Amino acid sequence: PDPLAALAAGGPYAGGNFSPEPGFTSRVPATFAWASDMPLAPGQVFEVAFWLPGQSPEEGRGWTGATTGTSVSIKVGEQPPGSYQWGVWLGGYVNGEYRRIRYLGGGNTLIVPGEPEPAAAPPRNDCPPEAPCKP
């Protein structure tokens, strides 16, 4: 028998209640959470994956390890600035190797902004007119 097929025989088929909401923008760690329609079967795990607009969830990459929980904290500021989609996969380990089983849903947008621009130095009023001040 195929061990992946046996692993895929039970467990969740859909996810919902995804958080954060679509359009979430952050550079600081954020908690990504979801609910599934059924509990995990033995040997199954969840994977949060991120992909670029125009790509499919199959092209998504995990930014953290898999989990048996329904939330993960992710340091989004460690990723390049841009717009991403994210969703949740059901996965498991076959012969010690992680394998995706099925996509549970999501597709919410996450925006990672660029580094903030440094504030300009305020103008100085203590400079004599004959010797301009340097910032």
Foldseek 3Di string as FASTA:
>chain_A
DDPLVVQLPDDFQAKDPWPDAFPAEDQAKDKTFIGTPGAHDPFKWKFKFKDAPVDDSVPTDGQDDTHSHGMDIHNNNVDDFDKIFIFMFMWGADPNDIDTNGTRDGRGIYGYHDDDDDDDDDDDDPDDPVDDDDD
